[in-house]
Amino acid sequence: MMSDGRSAARVPLPTAPQPLPVPVIDAHTHLASTARHSGRTVAEILAMAGAVGVSQVVDVGCDVASSAESVGFADSFSGVVACVAIHPNDAARLGDALEAGLADLEALITSSSRVRGIGETGLDYYRTTDPAAQELQKLAFARHISWAKKYRLPLVIHDRDAHADILAMLDAEGAPEKVMMHCFSGDVAFARDCLERGFWLSFPGTVTFKANEPLREALDIAPAERILVETDAPYLTAMPHRGKPNGPYLIPNTVRFMAERRGAGLVEFCAQLTANAVVVFGEW
């Protein structure tokens, strides 16, 4: 059963930014986790986002339970579409239960027309360092790639310290038509490798962090039609609220930073981001 994910305690949240002049889509967020971290209901979180021009979000699952929850939110709220997956670190922890989990996950893909993507899936060598566990990640990643092609859905990639193997697997398995590099974390060279393959690069609040100039340089060279923006809430809060709870309502801070960095007009940039998200995930 879908819950609102809310915890008992309401925590102080950063002040809402100035609304965007044109609506923008949060291309990757985690509503249930954001609700638990903030003490707000999903309905409240979506209302806060809508008030600043973020009326549509992509809610992303990380295991069978959270994926089912995402489907429930998408079925209940018109501004939400869902992605379903077993996160690579979760895949590594499942061990012998991985095949059963993958079977349960695949059943969710066709459970609703509001499922619009497969992810987040991929490889994570930062938290999973054991070679045997990394092989489980690769098994799960290959299965997710096959589903994206079978069901003609975009593939949402989690890539942490695994750039070369991510591309090698996508090349070997055959990438689906649409691939989104969630929370893009590479430099210009890796960005070019992804863009040459026709992938979309999705930038979270980390692009605003002082130390991440290589990430900003990747943003600089990305064609406007290949850029997405996300919060990955409740994580990766953009400046000036780094370290505080994140939510879709804070995405204007990232959008304004990105537009200024690229020397783009804010209205045009917002419209392009929205158009890009619709190309990847379809109409809401």
C-alpha atoms as a PDB file:
ATOM      1  CA  MET A   1       0.000   0.000   0.000  1.00  0.00           C
ATOM      2  CA  MET A   2       1.261   3.477  -0.820  1.00  0.00           C
ATOM      3  CA  SER A   3       2.051   5.700   2.161  1.00  0.00           C
ATOM      4  CA  ASP A   4       2.858   9.389   2.238  1.00  0.00           C
ATOM      5  CA  GLY A   5       6.330   8.525   3.601  1.00  0.00           C
ATOM      6  CA  ARG A   6       6.061  11.193   6.278  1.00  0.00           C
ATOM      7  CA  SER A   7       7.874  10.980   9.599  1.00  0.00           C
ATOM      8  CA  ALA A   8       6.395  12.295  12.836  1.00  0.00           C
ATOM      9  CA  ALA A   9       8.679  15.327  13.121  1.00  0.00           C
ATOM     10  CA  ARG A  10       8.504  18.326  10.808  1.00  0.00           C
ATOM     11  CA  VAL A  11      11.980  19.746  10.320  1.00  0.00           C
ATOM     12  CA  PRO A  12      12.919  23.317   9.360  1.00  0.00           C
ATOM     13  CA  LEU A  13      13.344  23.685   5.601  1.00  0.00           C
ATOM     14  CA  PRO A  14      15.263  26.238   3.521  1.00  0.00           C
ATOM     15  CA  THR A  15      13.344  29.289   2.380  1.00  0.00           C
ATOM     16  CA  ALA A  16      11.601  28.851  -0.948  1.00  0.00           C
ATOM     17  CA  PRO A  17      13.405  30.546  -3.850  1.00  0.00           C
ATOM     18  CA  GLN A  18      11.817  33.042  -6.196  1.00  0.00           C
ATOM     19  CA  PRO A  19       9.457  31.224  -8.593  1.00  0.00           C
ATOM     20  CA  LEU A  20      10.728  30.421 -12.063  1.00  0.00           C
ATOM     21  CA  PRO A  21       9.232  32.414 -14.948  1.00  0.00           C
ATOM     22  CA  VAL A  22       8.502  29.216 -16.902  1.00  0.00           C
ATOM     23  CA  PRO A  23       7.722  25.788 -15.359  1.00  0.00           C
ATOM     24  CA  VAL A  24      10.567  23.300 -15.074  1.00  0.00           C
ATOM     25  CA  ILE A  25      10.450  19.542 -14.469  1.00  0.00           C
ATOM     26  CA  ASP A  26      12.479  17.894 -11.706  1.00  0.00           C
ATOM     27  CA  ALA A  27      13.851  14.970 -13.731  1.00  0.00           C
ATOM     28  CA  HIS A  28      14.886  12.842 -10.745  1.00  0.00           C
ATOM     29  CA  THR A  29      13.637  12.926  -7.178  1.00  0.00           C
ATOM     30  CA  HIS A  30      12.646  10.569  -4.361  1.00  0.00           C
ATOM     31  CA  LEU A  31       9.326  11.704  -2.924  1.00  0.00           C
ATOM     32  CA  ALA A  32       8.942   9.155  -0.136  1.00  0.00           C
ATOM     33  CA  SER A  33      12.469   9.777   1.169  1.00  0.00           C
ATOM     34  CA  THR A  34      11.942  13.522   0.927  1.00  0.00           C
ATOM     35  CA  ALA A  35       8.743  13.160   2.940  1.00  0.00           C
ATOM     36  CA  ARG A  36      10.497  11.147   5.614  1.00  0.00           C
ATOM     37  CA  HIS A  37      13.384  13.607   5.840  1.00  0.00           C
ATOM     38  CA  SER A  38      11.163  16.684   5.982  1.00  0.00           C
ATOM     39  CA  GLY A  39       8.114  15.483   7.907  1.00  0.00           C
ATOM     40  CA  ARG A  40       5.862  16.735   5.089  1.00  0.00           C
ATOM     41  CA  THR A  41       3.396  14.691   3.105  1.00  0.00           C
ATOM     42  CA  VAL A  42       3.987  14.044  -0.577  1.00  0.00           C
ATOM     43  CA  ALA A  43       1.028  16.299  -1.324  1.00  0.00           C
ATOM     44  CA  GLU A  44       2.680  19.109   0.646  1.00  0.00           C
ATOM     45  CA  ILE A  45       6.009  18.546  -1.121  1.00  0.00           C
ATOM     46  CA  LEU A  46       4.347  18.746  -4.521  1.00  0.00           C
ATOM     47  CA  ALA A  47       2.410  21.872  -3.529  1.00  0.00           C
ATOM     48  CA  MET A  48       5.619  23.587  -2.400  1.00  0.00           C
ATOM     49  CA  ALA A  49       7.243  22.709  -5.714  1.00  0.00           C
ATOM     50  CA  GLY A  50       4.270  23.899  -7.737  1.00  0.00           C
ATOM     51  CA  ALA A  51       4.344  27.253  -5.979  1.00  0.00           C
ATOM     52  CA  VAL A  52       7.800  28.005  -7.458  1.00  0.00           C
ATOM     53  CA  GLY A  53       7.124  26.645 -10.946  1.00  0.00           C
ATOM     54  CA  VAL A  54       8.031  22.978 -10.507  1.00  0.00           C
ATOM     55  CA  SER A  55       4.675  21.340 -11.125  1.00  0.00           C
ATOM     56  CA  GLN A  56       5.983  18.064 -12.564  1.00  0.00           C
ATOM     57  CA  VAL A  57       8.501  15.556 -11.224  1.00  0.00           C
ATOM     58  CA  VAL A  58       9.974  12.160 -12.030  1.00  0.00           C
ATOM     59  CA  ASP A  59       9.803  10.000  -8.901  1.00  0.00           C
ATOM     60  CA  VAL A  60      12.427   7.264  -8.863  1.00  0.00           C
ATOM     61  CA  GLY A  61      12.498   3.910  -7.093  1.00  0.00           C
ATOM     62  CA  CYS A  62      15.592   2.208  -5.695  1.00  0.00           C
ATOM     63  CA  ASP A  63      14.191  -1.222  -4.822  1.00  0.00           C
ATOM     64  CA  VAL A  64      10.961  -3.140  -5.306  1.00  0.00           C
ATOM     65  CA  ALA A  65       9.186  -1.495  -2.377  1.00  0.00           C
ATOM     66  CA  SER A  66      10.162   2.084  -3.227  1.00  0.00           C
ATOM     67  CA  SER A  67       9.453   1.474  -6.910  1.00  0.00           C
ATOM     68  CA  ALA A  68       5.945   0.292  -6.058  1.00  0.00           C
ATOM     69  CA  GLU A  69       5.563   3.403  -3.927  1.00  0.00           C
ATOM     70  CA  SER A  70       6.656   5.588  -6.845  1.00  0.00           C
ATOM     71  CA  VAL A  71       4.062   3.955  -9.091  1.00  0.00           C
ATOM     72  CA  GLY A  72       1.444   4.672  -6.435  1.00  0.00           C
ATOM     73  CA  PHE A  73       2.390   8.345  -6.272  1.00  0.00           C
ATOM     74  CA  ALA A  74       2.320   8.598 -10.068  1.00  0.00           C
ATOM     75  CA  ASP A  75      -1.143   7.045 -10.169  1.00  0.00           C
ATOM     76  CA  SER A  76      -2.360   9.420  -7.452  1.00  0.00           C
ATOM     77  CA  PHE A  77      -0.806  12.752  -8.517  1.00  0.00           C
ATOM     78  CA  SER A  78      -1.060  14.112 -12.049  1.00  0.00           C
ATOM     79  CA  GLY A  79       2.273  15.913 -11.745  1.00  0.00           C
ATOM     80  CA  VAL A  80       4.214  12.714 -11.045  1.00  0.00           C
ATOM     81  CA  VAL A  81       5.551   9.976 -13.310  1.00  0.00           C
ATOM     82  CA  ALA A  82       7.526   7.002 -12.019  1.00  0.00           C
ATOM     83  CA  CYS A  83      10.754   5.175 -12.736  1.00  0.00           C
ATOM     84  CA  VAL A  84      11.301   1.692 -11.297  1.00  0.00           C
ATOM     85  CA  ALA A  85      14.529  -0.171 -10.571  1.00  0.00           C
ATOM     86  CA  ILE A  86      16.757  -1.973  -8.143  1.00  0.00           C
ATOM     87  CA  HIS A  87      19.595   0.424  -7.329  1.00  0.00           C
ATOM     88  CA  PRO A  88      23.058  -1.073  -7.914  1.00  0.00           C
ATOM     89  CA  ASN A  89      23.941  -1.007  -4.225  1.00  0.00           C
ATOM     90  CA  ASP A  90      20.652  -2.716  -3.387  1.00  0.00           C
ATOM     91  CA  ALA A  91      21.342  -5.297  -6.083  1.00  0.00           C
ATOM     92  CA  ALA A  92      24.706  -6.020  -4.501  1.00  0.00           C
ATOM     93  CA  ARG A  93      23.103  -6.558  -1.097  1.00  0.00           C
ATOM     94  CA  LEU A  94      20.420  -8.943  -2.360  1.00  0.00           C
ATOM     95  CA  GLY A  95      22.835 -11.785  -3.077  1.00  0.00           C
ATOM     96  CA  ASP A  96      20.963 -14.992  -3.862  1.00  0.00           C
ATOM     97  CA  ALA A  97      17.651 -13.107  -3.637  1.00  0.00           C
ATOM     98  CA  LEU A  98      18.522 -10.881  -6.599  1.00  0.00           C
ATOM     99  CA  GLU A  99      16.727 -12.968  -9.232  1.00  0.00           C
ATOM    100  CA  ALA A 100      13.505 -12.984  -7.240  1.00  0.00           C
ATOM    101  CA  GLY A 101      13.781  -9.242  -6.735  1.00  0.00           C
ATOM    102  CA  LEU A 102      14.327  -8.661 -10.438  1.00  0.00           C
ATOM    103  CA  ALA A 103      11.245 -10.743 -11.257  1.00  0.00           C
ATOM    104  CA  ASP A 104       9.135  -8.688  -8.842  1.00  0.00           C
ATOM    105  CA  LEU A 105      10.544  -5.483 -10.281  1.00  0.00           C
ATOM    106  CA  GLU A 106       9.737  -6.390 -13.872  1.00  0.00           C
ATOM    107  CA  ALA A 107       6.113  -6.955 -12.919  1.00  0.00           C
ATOM    108  CA  LEU A 108       5.901  -3.296 -11.874  1.00  0.00           C
ATOM    109  CA  ILE A 109       6.973  -2.017 -15.281  1.00  0.00           C
ATOM    110  CA  THR A 110       3.670  -2.939 -16.895  1.00  0.00           C
ATOM    111  CA  SER A 111       1.536  -2.214 -13.838  1.00  0.00           C
ATOM    112  CA  SER A 112       0.758   1.375 -14.857  1.00  0.00           C
ATOM    113  CA  SER A 113       1.013   3.683 -17.848  1.00  0.00           C
ATOM    114  CA  ARG A 114       2.557   6.157 -15.408  1.00  0.00           C
ATOM    115  CA  VAL A 115       5.795   4.116 -15.349  1.00  0.00           C
ATOM    116  CA  ARG A 116       7.958   6.153 -17.714  1.00  0.00           C
ATOM    117  CA  GLY A 117      11.484   4.907 -17.097  1.00  0.00           C
ATOM    118  CA  ILE A 118      13.778   2.130 -15.902  1.00  0.00           C
ATOM    119  CA  GLY A 119      16.098   3.358 -13.183  1.00  0.00           C
ATOM    120  CA  GLU A 120      17.945   4.257 -11.294  1.00  0.00           C
ATOM    121  CA  THR A 121      20.228   1.443 -12.335  1.00  0.00           C
ATOM    122  CA  GLY A 122      23.899   1.195 -13.162  1.00  0.00           C
ATOM    123  CA  LEU A 123      27.118   0.642 -11.244  1.00  0.00           C
ATOM    124  CA  ASP A 124      28.456   2.042  -7.980  1.00  0.00           C
ATOM    125  CA  TYR A 125      32.060   1.238  -7.122  1.00  0.00           C
ATOM    126  CA  TYR A 126      32.191   3.832  -4.351  1.00  0.00           C
ATOM    127  CA  ARG A 127      29.935   2.010  -1.896  1.00  0.00           C
ATOM    128  CA  THR A 128      30.298  -1.465  -3.388  1.00  0.00           C
ATOM    129  CA  THR A 129      33.969  -2.443  -3.598  1.00  0.00           C
ATOM    130  CA  ASP A 130      33.806  -6.256  -3.406  1.00  0.00           C
ATOM    131  CA  PRO A 131      34.328  -7.746  -6.907  1.00  0.00           C
ATOM    132  CA  ALA A 132      31.682 -10.439  -6.359  1.00  0.00           C
ATOM    133  CA  ALA A 133      29.144  -7.804  -5.320  1.00  0.00           C
ATOM    134  CA  GLN A 134      30.070  -5.695  -8.342  1.00  0.00           C
ATOM    135  CA  GLU A 135      29.248  -8.687 -10.540  1.00  0.00           C
ATOM    136  CA  LEU A 136      25.751  -8.699  -9.034  1.00  0.00           C
ATOM    137  CA  GLN A 137      25.460  -5.037  -9.976  1.00  0.00           C
ATOM    138  CA  LYS A 138      26.458  -5.869 -13.542  1.00  0.00           C
ATOM    139  CA  LEU A 139      23.900  -8.667 -13.725  1.00  0.00           C
ATOM    140  CA  ALA A 140      21.150  -6.343 -12.537  1.00  0.00           C
ATOM    141  CA  PHE A 141      22.311  -3.525 -14.830  1.00  0.00           C
ATOM    142  CA  ALA A 142      22.207  -5.803 -17.871  1.00  0.00           C
ATOM    143  CA  ARG A 143      18.675  -6.861 -16.991  1.00  0.00           C
ATOM    144  CA  HIS A 144      17.532  -3.251 -16.638  1.00  0.00           C
ATOM    145  CA  ILE A 145      19.087  -2.381 -19.998  1.00  0.00           C
ATOM    146  CA  SER A 146      17.153  -5.230 -21.607  1.00  0.00           C
ATOM    147  CA  TRP A 147      13.890  -4.030 -20.040  1.00  0.00           C
ATOM    148  CA  ALA A 148      14.406  -0.470 -21.275  1.00  0.00           C
ATOM    149  CA  LYS A 149      14.683  -1.840 -24.805  1.00  0.00           C
ATOM    150  CA  LYS A 150      11.893  -4.393 -24.417  1.00  0.00           C
ATOM    151  CA  TYR A 151       9.393  -1.877 -23.034  1.00  0.00           C
ATOM    152  CA  ARG A 152      10.754   1.094 -25.006  1.00  0.00           C
ATOM    153  CA  LEU A 153      11.381   3.195 -21.920  1.00  0.00           C
ATOM    154  CA  PRO A 154      14.275   5.531 -21.076  1.00  0.00           C
ATOM    155  CA  LEU A 155      17.109   4.145 -18.973  1.00  0.00           C
ATOM    156  CA  VAL A 156      18.123   6.224 -15.930  1.00  0.00           C
ATOM    157  CA  ILE A 157      21.763   5.592 -15.011  1.00  0.00           C
ATOM    158  CA  HIS A 158      23.356   5.727 -11.568  1.00  0.00           C
ATOM    159  CA  ASP A 159      27.122   5.988 -12.101  1.00  0.00           C
ATOM    160  CA  ARG A 160      29.520   6.413  -9.228  1.00  0.00           C
ATOM    161  CA  ASP A 161      33.216   5.831  -9.835  1.00  0.00           C
ATOM    162  CA  ALA A 162      32.332   3.486 -12.697  1.00  0.00           C
ATOM    163  CA  HIS A 163      32.423   5.616 -15.861  1.00  0.00           C
ATOM    164  CA  ALA A 164      34.393   3.204 -18.049  1.00  0.00           C
ATOM    165  CA  ASP A 165      32.406   0.110 -17.083  1.00  0.00           C
ATOM    166  CA  ILE A 166      29.074   1.920 -17.497  1.00  0.00           C
ATOM    167  CA  LEU A 167      29.917   2.814 -21.089  1.00  0.00           C
ATOM    168  CA  ALA A 168      31.450  -0.595 -21.783  1.00  0.00           C
ATOM    169  CA  MET A 169      28.285  -2.362 -20.643  1.00  0.00           C
ATOM    170  CA  LEU A 170      25.977  -0.052 -22.573  1.00  0.00           C
ATOM    171  CA  ASP A 171      28.070  -0.569 -25.692  1.00  0.00           C
ATOM    172  CA  ALA A 172      28.198  -4.339 -25.230  1.00  0.00           C
ATOM    173  CA  GLU A 173      24.505  -4.774 -24.395  1.00  0.00           C
ATOM    174  CA  GLY A 174      23.308  -2.144 -26.848  1.00  0.00           C
ATOM    175  CA  ALA A 175      21.976   1.060 -25.316  1.00  0.00           C
ATOM    176  CA  PRO A 176      18.245   1.767 -25.484  1.00  0.00           C
ATOM    177  CA  GLU A 177      16.995   4.698 -27.519  1.00  0.00           C
ATOM    178  CA  LYS A 178      16.956   7.078 -24.541  1.00  0.00           C
ATOM    179  CA  VAL A 179      19.571   7.148 -21.775  1.00  0.00           C
ATOM    180  CA  MET A 180      19.723   9.697 -18.969  1.00  0.00           C
ATOM    181  CA  MET A 181      22.919  10.062 -16.966  1.00  0.00           C
ATOM    182  CA  HIS A 182      21.388  10.828 -13.579  1.00  0.00           C
ATOM    183  CA  CYS A 183      23.387  13.074 -11.266  1.00  0.00           C
ATOM    184  CA  PHE A 184      26.059  13.489 -13.910  1.00  0.00           C
ATOM    185  CA  SER A 185      29.435  13.365 -12.184  1.00  0.00           C
ATOM    186  CA  GLY A 186      31.987  13.311 -14.985  1.00  0.00           C
ATOM    187  CA  ASP A 187      34.313  15.777 -16.631  1.00  0.00           C
ATOM    188  CA  VAL A 188      34.350  17.142 -20.167  1.00  0.00           C
ATOM    189  CA  ALA A 189      35.901  13.995 -21.630  1.00  0.00           C
ATOM    190  CA  PHE A 190      33.273  11.725 -20.106  1.00  0.00           C
ATOM    191  CA  ALA A 191      30.538  14.169 -21.059  1.00  0.00           C
ATOM    192  CA  ARG A 192      31.670  13.977 -24.676  1.00  0.00           C
ATOM    193  CA  ASP A 193      31.679  10.166 -24.511  1.00  0.00           C
ATOM    194  CA  CYS A 194      28.067  10.246 -23.306  1.00  0.00           C
ATOM    195  CA  LEU A 195      26.910  12.935 -25.708  1.00  0.00           C
ATOM    196  CA  GLU A 196      28.455  11.137 -28.680  1.00  0.00           C
ATOM    197  CA  ARG A 197      26.183   8.213 -27.781  1.00  0.00           C
ATOM    198  CA  GLY A 198      23.137  10.477 -27.702  1.00  0.00           C
ATOM    199  CA  PHE A 199      22.660  10.431 -23.926  1.00  0.00           C
ATOM    200  CA  TRP A 200      21.118  13.187 -21.817  1.00  0.00           C
ATOM    201  CA  LEU A 201      23.152  14.697 -18.954  1.00  0.00           C
ATOM    202  CA  SER A 202      21.158  15.509 -15.816  1.00  0.00           C
ATOM    203  CA  PHE A 203      22.631  18.018 -13.380  1.00  0.00           C
ATOM    204  CA  PRO A 204      21.714  18.226  -9.665  1.00  0.00           C
ATOM    205  CA  GLY A 205      22.670  20.778  -7.039  1.00  0.00           C
ATOM    206  CA  THR A 206      26.283  19.540  -7.016  1.00  0.00           C
ATOM    207  CA  VAL A 207      26.899  21.677 -10.107  1.00  0.00           C
ATOM    208  CA  THR A 208      26.740  24.708  -7.773  1.00  0.00           C
ATOM    209  CA  PHE A 209      29.417  23.411  -5.370  1.00  0.00           C
ATOM    210  CA  LYS A 210      32.678  25.385  -5.451  1.00  0.00           C
ATOM    211  CA  ALA A 211      34.930  22.354  -5.956  1.00  0.00           C
ATOM    212  CA  ASN A 212      33.012  21.028  -8.969  1.00  0.00           C
ATOM    213  CA  GLU A 213      34.477  23.094 -11.793  1.00  0.00           C
ATOM    214  CA  PRO A 214      34.989  19.964 -13.975  1.00  0.00           C
ATOM    215  CA  LEU A 215      31.250  19.340 -13.696  1.00  0.00           C
ATOM    216  CA  ARG A 216      30.494  22.908 -14.750  1.00  0.00           C
ATOM    217  CA  GLU A 217      32.854  22.516 -17.701  1.00  0.00           C
ATOM    218  CA  ALA A 218      30.833  19.469 -18.740  1.00  0.00           C
ATOM    219  CA  LEU A 219      27.688  21.608 -18.518  1.00  0.00           C
ATOM    220  CA  ASP A 220      29.366  24.209 -20.722  1.00  0.00           C
ATOM    221  CA  ILE A 221      29.870  21.830 -23.646  1.00  0.00           C
ATOM    222  CA  ALA A 222      26.521  20.016 -23.515  1.00  0.00           C
ATOM    223  CA  PRO A 223      24.061  20.933 -26.282  1.00  0.00           C
ATOM    224  CA  ALA A 224      20.995  22.695 -24.888  1.00  0.00           C
ATOM    225  CA  GLU A 225      18.708  19.881 -26.039  1.00  0.00           C
ATOM    226  CA  ARG A 226      20.707  17.264 -24.066  1.00  0.00           C
ATOM    227  CA  ILE A 227      20.525  18.893 -20.620  1.00  0.00           C
ATOM    228  CA  LEU A 228      18.187  17.958 -17.784  1.00  0.00           C
ATOM    229  CA  VAL A 229      17.958  19.280 -14.228  1.00  0.00           C
ATOM    230  CA  GLU A 230      17.146  17.344 -11.071  1.00  0.00           C
ATOM    231  CA  THR A 231      17.210  17.577  -7.312  1.00  0.00           C
ATOM    232  CA  ASP A 232      17.839  13.938  -6.328  1.00  0.00           C
ATOM    233  CA  ALA A 233      15.959  15.100  -3.217  1.00  0.00           C
ATOM    234  CA  PRO A 234      16.298  14.751  -0.333  1.00  0.00           C
ATOM    235  CA  TYR A 235      20.013  14.763  -1.181  1.00  0.00           C
ATOM    236  CA  LEU A 236      22.501  17.083  -2.948  1.00  0.00           C
ATOM    237  CA  THR A 237      20.910  20.404  -2.032  1.00  0.00           C
ATOM    238  CA  ALA A 238      22.204  23.261  -4.180  1.00  0.00           C
ATOM    239  CA  MET A 239      23.916  26.333  -2.824  1.00  0.00           C
ATOM    240  CA  PRO A 240      23.165  28.394  -0.822  1.00  0.00           C
ATOM    241  CA  HIS A 241      21.518  25.610   1.223  1.00  0.00           C
ATOM    242  CA  ARG A 242      24.081  22.827   0.858  1.00  0.00           C
ATOM    243  CA  GLY A 243      23.765  20.299   3.669  1.00  0.00           C
ATOM    244  CA  LYS A 244      20.125  21.111   4.407  1.00  0.00           C
ATOM    245  CA  PRO A 245      17.110  18.984   3.413  1.00  0.00           C
ATOM    246  CA  ASN A 246      16.396  19.117  -0.307  1.00  0.00           C
ATOM    247  CA  GLY A 247      13.086  19.078  -2.159  1.00  0.00           C
ATOM    248  CA  PRO A 248      11.793  19.706  -5.679  1.00  0.00           C
ATOM    249  CA  TYR A 249      10.833  23.232  -4.604  1.00  0.00           C
ATOM    250  CA  LEU A 250      14.548  24.151  -4.425  1.00  0.00           C
ATOM    251  CA  ILE A 251      15.319  23.356  -8.065  1.00  0.00           C
ATOM    252  CA  PRO A 252      15.062  27.045  -9.105  1.00  0.00           C
ATOM    253  CA  ASN A 253      18.409  27.634  -7.350  1.00  0.00           C
ATOM    254  CA  THR A 254      20.099  25.081  -9.606  1.00  0.00           C
ATOM    255  CA  VAL A 255      18.290  26.266 -12.724  1.00  0.00           C
ATOM    256  CA  ARG A 256      19.281  29.888 -12.227  1.00  0.00           C
ATOM    257  CA  PHE A 257      22.886  28.905 -11.588  1.00  0.00           C
ATOM    258  CA  MET A 258      22.990  26.759 -14.736  1.00  0.00           C
ATOM    259  CA  ALA A 259      21.403  29.449 -16.906  1.00  0.00           C
ATOM    260  CA  GLU A 260      23.860  32.074 -15.685  1.00  0.00           C
ATOM    261  CA  ARG A 261      26.816  29.740 -16.200  1.00  0.00           C
ATOM    262  CA  ARG A 262      25.762  29.084 -19.794  1.00  0.00           C
ATOM    263  CA  GLY A 263      24.903  32.713 -20.482  1.00  0.00           C
ATOM    264  CA  ALA A 264      21.352  31.688 -21.345  1.00  0.00           C
ATOM    265  CA  GLY A 265      18.163  33.662 -20.876  1.00  0.00           C
ATOM    266  CA  LEU A 266      16.230  32.224 -17.964  1.00  0.00           C
ATOM    267  CA  VAL A 267      12.882  31.963 -19.773  1.00  0.00           C
ATOM    268  CA  GLU A 268      14.399  30.212 -22.767  1.00  0.00           C
ATOM    269  CA  PHE A 269      16.521  27.928 -20.599  1.00  0.00           C
ATOM    270  CA  CYS A 270      13.559  26.856 -18.465  1.00  0.00           C
ATOM    271  CA  ALA A 271      11.489  26.135 -21.566  1.00  0.00           C
ATOM    272  CA  GLN A 272      14.311  24.043 -23.039  1.00  0.00           C
ATOM    273  CA  LEU A 273      14.720  22.003 -19.843  1.00  0.00           C
ATOM    274  CA  THR A 274      11.009  21.243 -19.791  1.00  0.00           C
ATOM    275  CA  ALA A 275      10.971  20.294 -23.463  1.00  0.00           C
ATOM    276  CA  ASN A 276      13.945  17.986 -22.909  1.00  0.00           C
ATOM    277  CA  ALA A 277      12.262  16.186 -20.010  1.00  0.00           C
ATOM    278  CA  VAL A 278       9.126  15.656 -22.097  1.00  0.00           C
ATOM    279  CA  VAL A 279      11.226  14.187 -24.930  1.00  0.00           C
ATOM    280  CA  VAL A 280      12.749  11.691 -22.492  1.00  0.00           C
ATOM    281  CA  PHE A 281       9.746  10.802 -20.319  1.00  0.00           C
ATOM    282  CA  GLY A 282       6.718  11.738 -22.420  1.00  0.00           C
ATOM    283  CA  GLU A 283       3.848  14.071 -21.624  1.00  0.00           C
ATOM    284  CA  TRP A 284       2.653  14.148 -18.054  1.00  0.00           C
END
